[in-house]
C-alpha cells in the first residue's frame, strides 16, 4: 500500500530539502502552532485499509510514546499483531538516531543516523541494516539535492515538489510530483526536532497513509486526503481516495 513516494524512500532513502522558502533556512521547526498550542501530540492512528484484491479490510494501528514533546518510540500493529517498533535518540534536541525493529524477522532490523550542520540543517542520512549506505544533501536556496539523484523543493519546512532521476548523472527525469496542503496544523510538527526528512521517509507514519508535514497534505502525487477536524483544528478523521475511489479511512487520537 506504499505510494510511489514511499517505495522510493524505502529503497534509496532519499530526501533532501531545506526547511526554507523565504524563511531562515533552519530544518528544525520552532514548534509555533497556529492554534496557539504546541503541546498537542498524536497518541495513535488507526487506519482501515480496503484490500480490493480479496475484498477484506485490514486494520493498522500506530501508537506513539513521548517524553514531553520528544518522540520516544513508535509501535505498529496489523490486525492486532505487532509488526514494527521504532526507538529514538536525541542529541542537542535533534533526532540523531532511530532503530527500526522488524518483530517478525531480525534480518530486517536497521539503524538510521542523522547528521546536522551548525545551523541544524540535515546534511547526511546513514542507514545500516540488511544493506548499508549513506546519503549527503546539498542545499541551494529552497532546493535540496542528494547523491542519489533526487531533488526536493521545500517551503515552510515541508516538501512541495520532488524530482527523481533515472540515471546516475541526474540527467533523465524519471518521476516528478507535487504535494499540496491545507492551512491546518499537523500534530507531528509539534514533535521536538521535526523536519522535512520525516515527512518524506515516513518515519512517523510507517505503513499507514498519513503525511507528516507542518500542515496536512491534501494531495501527495498519488492520493487525495480529506479531513474532519477536532475543536483544536487538528485532524480526527481522514479519508484517502485514489482517483475518486475510497482507499482508506483513518482515525486520529491525541493525548
Protein backbone atom coordinates (compact mmCIF):
# COMPACT_ATOMS: atom_id res chain seq x y z
CA UNK A 1 0.00 0.00 0.00
CA UNK A 2 3.01 2.27 -0.23
CA UNK A 3 2.81 5.15 -2.65
CA UNK A 4 5.46 5.76 -5.27
CA UNK A 5 7.00 8.24 -2.87
CA UNK A 6 7.20 5.70 -0.07
CA UNK A 7 8.67 2.98 -2.25
CA UNK A 8 11.40 5.32 -3.39
CA UNK A 9 12.29 6.23 0.15
CA UNK A 10 12.44 2.73 1.48
CA UNK A 11 14.74 1.56 -1.30
CA UNK A 12 17.01 4.53 -1.71
CA UNK A 13 16.49 6.53 1.46
CA UNK A 14 16.28 9.74 -0.24
CA UNK A 15 15.27 13.16 0.68
CA UNK A 16 16.58 16.43 0.90
CA UNK A 17 15.39 19.84 1.18
CA UNK A 18 15.91 22.83 3.13
CA UNK A 19 13.36 23.96 5.57
CA UNK A 20 13.04 27.14 3.74
CA UNK A 21 11.21 29.11 1.17
CA UNK A 22 11.92 32.67 2.11
CA UNK A 23 12.50 31.51 5.67
CA UNK A 24 15.60 31.47 7.86
CA UNK A 25 16.78 28.14 6.45
CA UNK A 26 16.63 26.07 9.63
CA UNK A 27 15.47 22.48 9.18
CA UNK A 28 14.06 22.14 12.65
CA UNK A 29 10.69 23.62 13.39
CA UNK A 30 10.27 26.25 16.07
CA UNK A 31 7.14 24.49 17.34
CA UNK A 32 4.93 27.50 16.73
CA UNK A 33 1.35 26.34 16.42
CA UNK A 34 -1.15 28.48 14.53
CA UNK A 35 -3.74 27.26 17.05
CA UNK A 36 -1.60 28.50 19.94
CA UNK A 37 -0.99 25.06 21.46
CA UNK A 38 2.32 23.31 20.84
CA UNK A 39 1.62 20.51 23.34
CA UNK A 40 -0.82 18.62 21.09
CA UNK A 41 0.68 15.23 20.24
CA UNK A 42 -0.75 12.22 18.46
CA UNK A 43 -1.39 9.21 20.67
CA UNK A 44 -2.48 6.75 17.98
CA UNK A 45 -3.65 6.49 14.39
CA UNK A 46 -5.96 3.71 13.27
CA UNK A 47 -6.30 3.03 9.57
CA UNK A 48 -8.95 0.90 7.91
CA UNK A 49 -7.38 -0.17 4.63
CA UNK A 50 -9.53 -1.65 1.87
CA UNK A 51 -7.73 -4.57 0.25
CA UNK A 52 -9.54 -4.75 -3.07
CA UNK A 53 -7.59 -7.85 -4.10
CA UNK A 54 -9.52 -10.04 -1.69
CA UNK A 55 -12.33 -7.78 -0.54
CA UNK A 56 -11.13 -7.52 3.06
CA UNK A 57 -10.40 -4.60 5.35
CA UNK A 58 -7.11 -4.58 7.24
CA UNK A 59 -6.72 -2.55 10.42
CA UNK A 60 -3.41 -0.81 11.04
CA UNK A 61 -2.74 0.85 14.40
CA UNK A 62 0.28 3.01 15.17
CA UNK A 63 0.93 4.06 18.79
CA UNK A 64 3.24 6.93 19.80
CA UNK A 65 5.10 7.47 23.08
CA UNK A 66 6.81 10.72 24.11
CA UNK A 67 8.93 12.27 26.82
CA UNK A 68 7.30 15.69 26.96
CA UNK A 69 7.36 16.59 23.25
CA UNK A 70 10.27 14.33 22.30
CA UNK A 71 9.35 11.15 20.46
CA UNK A 72 10.48 8.03 22.36
CA UNK A 73 9.00 5.10 20.48
CA UNK A 74 6.51 4.02 17.84
CA UNK A 75 4.78 0.66 17.60
CA UNK A 76 2.92 -0.52 14.51
CA UNK A 77 0.24 -3.22 14.54
CA UNK A 78 -1.59 -5.02 11.75
CA UNK A 79 -4.83 -6.72 12.83
CA UNK A 80 -3.63 -6.70 16.48
CA UNK A 81 -0.22 -8.21 15.64
CA UNK A 82 2.85 -6.13 16.45
CA UNK A 83 4.83 -5.69 13.23
CA UNK A 84 7.42 -2.95 13.76
CA UNK A 85 8.89 -0.91 16.59
CA UNK A 86 10.97 2.27 16.44
CA UNK A 87 13.11 3.76 19.20
CA UNK A 88 14.54 7.28 19.01
CA UNK A 89 17.66 9.02 20.33
CA UNK A 90 18.18 12.79 20.61
CA UNK A 91 21.35 14.85 20.58
CA UNK A 92 21.07 18.58 21.36
CA UNK A 93 17.28 18.37 20.94
CA UNK A 94 17.65 16.93 17.43
CA UNK A 95 16.66 13.40 16.46
CA UNK A 96 20.06 11.87 15.76
CA UNK A 97 19.25 8.15 15.60
CA UNK A 98 16.36 5.73 15.43
CA UNK A 99 16.27 1.95 15.49
CA UNK A 100 13.74 0.04 13.42
CA UNK A 101 12.82 -3.41 14.71
CA UNK A 102 11.02 -5.90 12.49
CA UNK A 103 9.15 -8.01 15.02
CA UNK A 104 8.91 -10.98 12.62
CA UNK A 105 12.38 -11.03 11.07
CA UNK A 106 15.57 -9.81 12.75
CA UNK A 107 17.27 -9.69 9.36
CA UNK A 108 15.35 -6.53 8.58
CA UNK A 109 16.26 -4.61 11.73
CA UNK A 110 18.08 -1.37 10.99
CA UNK A 111 19.57 1.76 12.50
CA UNK A 112 19.34 5.20 10.94
CA UNK A 113 21.74 8.03 11.86
CA UNK A 114 21.10 11.69 11.09
CA UNK A 115 23.83 14.32 10.91
CA UNK A 116 23.32 18.10 11.02
CA UNK A 117 25.39 21.21 10.43
CA UNK A 118 25.80 24.11 12.86
CA UNK A 119 22.52 25.61 11.65
CA UNK A 120 20.64 22.39 12.43
CA UNK A 121 20.17 21.53 8.77
CA UNK A 122 20.15 17.85 7.95
CA UNK A 123 23.29 17.11 5.92
CA UNK A 124 23.65 13.33 5.99
CA UNK A 125 21.44 10.28 6.31
CA UNK A 126 23.14 6.98 7.18
CA UNK A 127 21.30 3.67 7.00
CA UNK A 128 22.68 0.45 8.47
CA UNK A 129 20.63 -2.70 8.10
CA UNK A 130 20.24 -5.50 5.57
CA UNK A 131 22.18 -3.13 3.34
CA UNK A 132 24.23 -0.09 4.27
CA UNK A 133 24.53 3.27 2.57
CA UNK A 134 24.72 6.97 3.29
CA UNK A 135 23.27 9.97 1.54
CA UNK A 136 24.50 13.53 1.53
CA UNK A 137 22.31 16.58 0.96
CA UNK A 138 23.32 19.78 -0.79
CA UNK A 139 21.26 22.94 -0.25
CA UNK A 140 20.76 25.64 -2.85
CA UNK A 141 18.18 28.07 -1.58
CA UNK A 142 14.96 26.15 -1.18
CA UNK A 143 16.14 23.29 -3.39
CA UNK A 144 17.96 20.30 -1.95
CA UNK A 145 19.61 17.58 -3.98
CA UNK A 146 21.08 14.26 -2.95
CA UNK A 147 23.78 11.98 -4.28
CA UNK A 148 21.00 9.55 -5.25
CA UNK A 149 19.84 11.99 -7.93
CA UNK A 150 16.74 13.14 -6.18
CA UNK A 151 15.86 16.78 -5.63
CA UNK A 152 13.23 18.45 -3.50
CA UNK A 153 11.73 21.88 -3.19
CA UNK A 154 10.86 23.00 0.33
CA UNK A 155 8.55 25.67 1.56
CA UNK A 156 7.90 26.35 5.25
CA UNK A 157 9.85 23.23 6.24
CA UNK A 158 7.75 20.88 4.12
CA UNK A 159 8.18 19.34 0.69
CA UNK A 160 6.09 20.91 -2.06
CA UNK A 161 7.66 19.11 -5.04
CA UNK A 162 10.22 16.43 -5.81
CA UNK A 163 12.08 15.05 -8.83
CA UNK A 164 13.61 11.60 -9.19
CA UNK A 165 16.14 10.85 -11.93
CA UNK A 166 16.71 7.52 -13.69
CA UNK A 167 20.44 7.90 -14.23
CA UNK A 168 23.47 8.47 -12.02
CA UNK A 169 24.28 11.73 -13.85
CA UNK A 170 20.92 13.23 -12.87
CA UNK A 171 20.02 13.99 -16.47
CA UNK A 172 16.99 11.79 -17.20
CA UNK A 173 13.89 12.63 -15.19
CA UNK A 174 12.05 9.51 -14.09
CA UNK A 175 9.31 10.91 -11.88
CA UNK A 176 8.12 14.26 -10.64
CA UNK A 177 5.40 15.10 -8.17
CA UNK A 178 3.79 17.97 -6.32
CA UNK A 179 2.39 17.95 -2.79
CA UNK A 180 -0.35 20.31 -1.67
CA UNK A 181 -1.53 21.18 1.85
CA UNK A 182 -4.39 22.68 3.81
CA UNK A 183 -3.90 25.53 6.29
CA UNK A 184 -4.33 23.45 9.45
CA UNK A 185 -1.51 22.30 11.70
CA UNK A 186 -0.29 18.71 11.62
CA UNK A 187 0.42 17.49 15.17
CA UNK A 188 3.60 15.68 14.09
CA UNK A 189 5.09 19.15 13.63
CA UNK A 190 4.90 19.59 17.43
CA UNK A 191 7.48 16.83 17.93
CA UNK A 192 10.83 18.23 19.06
CA UNK A 193 13.32 18.06 16.18
CA UNK A 194 10.72 17.53 13.46
CA UNK A 195 11.96 18.41 9.96
CA UNK A 196 11.23 17.67 6.31
CA UNK A 197 13.14 14.39 6.37
CA UNK A 198 10.48 12.68 8.48
CA UNK A 199 7.80 13.78 6.07
CA UNK A 200 9.42 12.02 3.14
CA UNK A 201 10.87 8.89 4.72
CA UNK A 202 7.58 8.18 6.54
CA UNK A 203 9.27 7.56 9.88
CA UNK A 204 6.32 8.71 11.96
CA UNK A 205 3.57 7.07 9.94
CA UNK A 206 5.22 3.85 8.80
CA UNK A 207 2.81 1.69 6.84
CA UNK A 208 -0.25 3.93 7.13
CA UNK A 209 -1.41 6.51 4.62
CA UNK A 210 -0.76 9.69 6.56
CA UNK A 211 1.62 12.53 5.79
CA UNK A 212 3.65 14.38 8.37
CA UNK A 213 4.20 17.90 7.10
CA UNK A 214 3.80 21.12 9.07
CA UNK A 215 0.31 21.25 7.58
CA UNK A 216 -1.91 18.39 6.40
CA UNK A 217 -1.37 17.01 2.91
CA UNK A 218 -4.36 17.28 0.57
CA UNK A 219 -2.62 15.62 -2.41
CA UNK A 220 0.70 13.76 -2.46
CA UNK A 221 1.09 12.86 -6.11
CA UNK A 222 -0.94 9.67 -5.74
CA UNK A 223 -3.77 10.10 -3.26
CA UNK A 224 -6.24 12.79 -2.21
CA UNK A 225 -6.83 13.45 1.51
CA UNK A 226 -9.95 14.94 3.12
CA UNK A 227 -10.10 15.87 6.82
CA UNK A 228 -12.61 16.19 9.62
CA UNK A 229 -11.04 18.43 12.27
CA UNK A 230 -11.46 18.50 16.03
CA UNK A 231 -12.16 21.63 18.08
CA UNK A 232 -8.42 22.46 18.11
CA UNK A 233 -8.13 22.32 14.33
CA UNK A 234 -6.29 19.00 14.14
CA UNK A 235 -7.49 16.06 12.01
CA UNK A 236 -9.57 13.44 13.82
CA UNK A 237 -10.89 11.58 10.78
CA UNK A 238 -9.19 11.29 7.40
CA UNK A 239 -10.49 9.88 4.13
CA UNK A 240 -7.97 8.79 1.50
CA UNK A 241 -9.13 8.40 -2.09
CA UNK A 242 -7.44 7.17 -5.24
CA UNK A 243 -8.89 8.74 -8.38
CA UNK A 244 -12.17 9.27 -6.57
CA UNK A 245 -12.39 5.75 -5.13
CA UNK A 246 -12.15 5.15 -1.38
CA UNK A 247 -8.76 3.75 -0.46
CA UNK A 248 -8.57 4.04 3.32
CA UNK A 249 -10.04 5.84 6.32
CA UNK A 250 -8.13 6.86 9.42
CA UNK A 251 -8.98 7.95 12.95
CA UNK A 252 -6.52 10.03 14.99
CA UNK A 253 -6.42 10.09 18.79
CA UNK A 254 -4.49 12.71 20.77
CA UNK A 255 -3.06 12.87 24.26
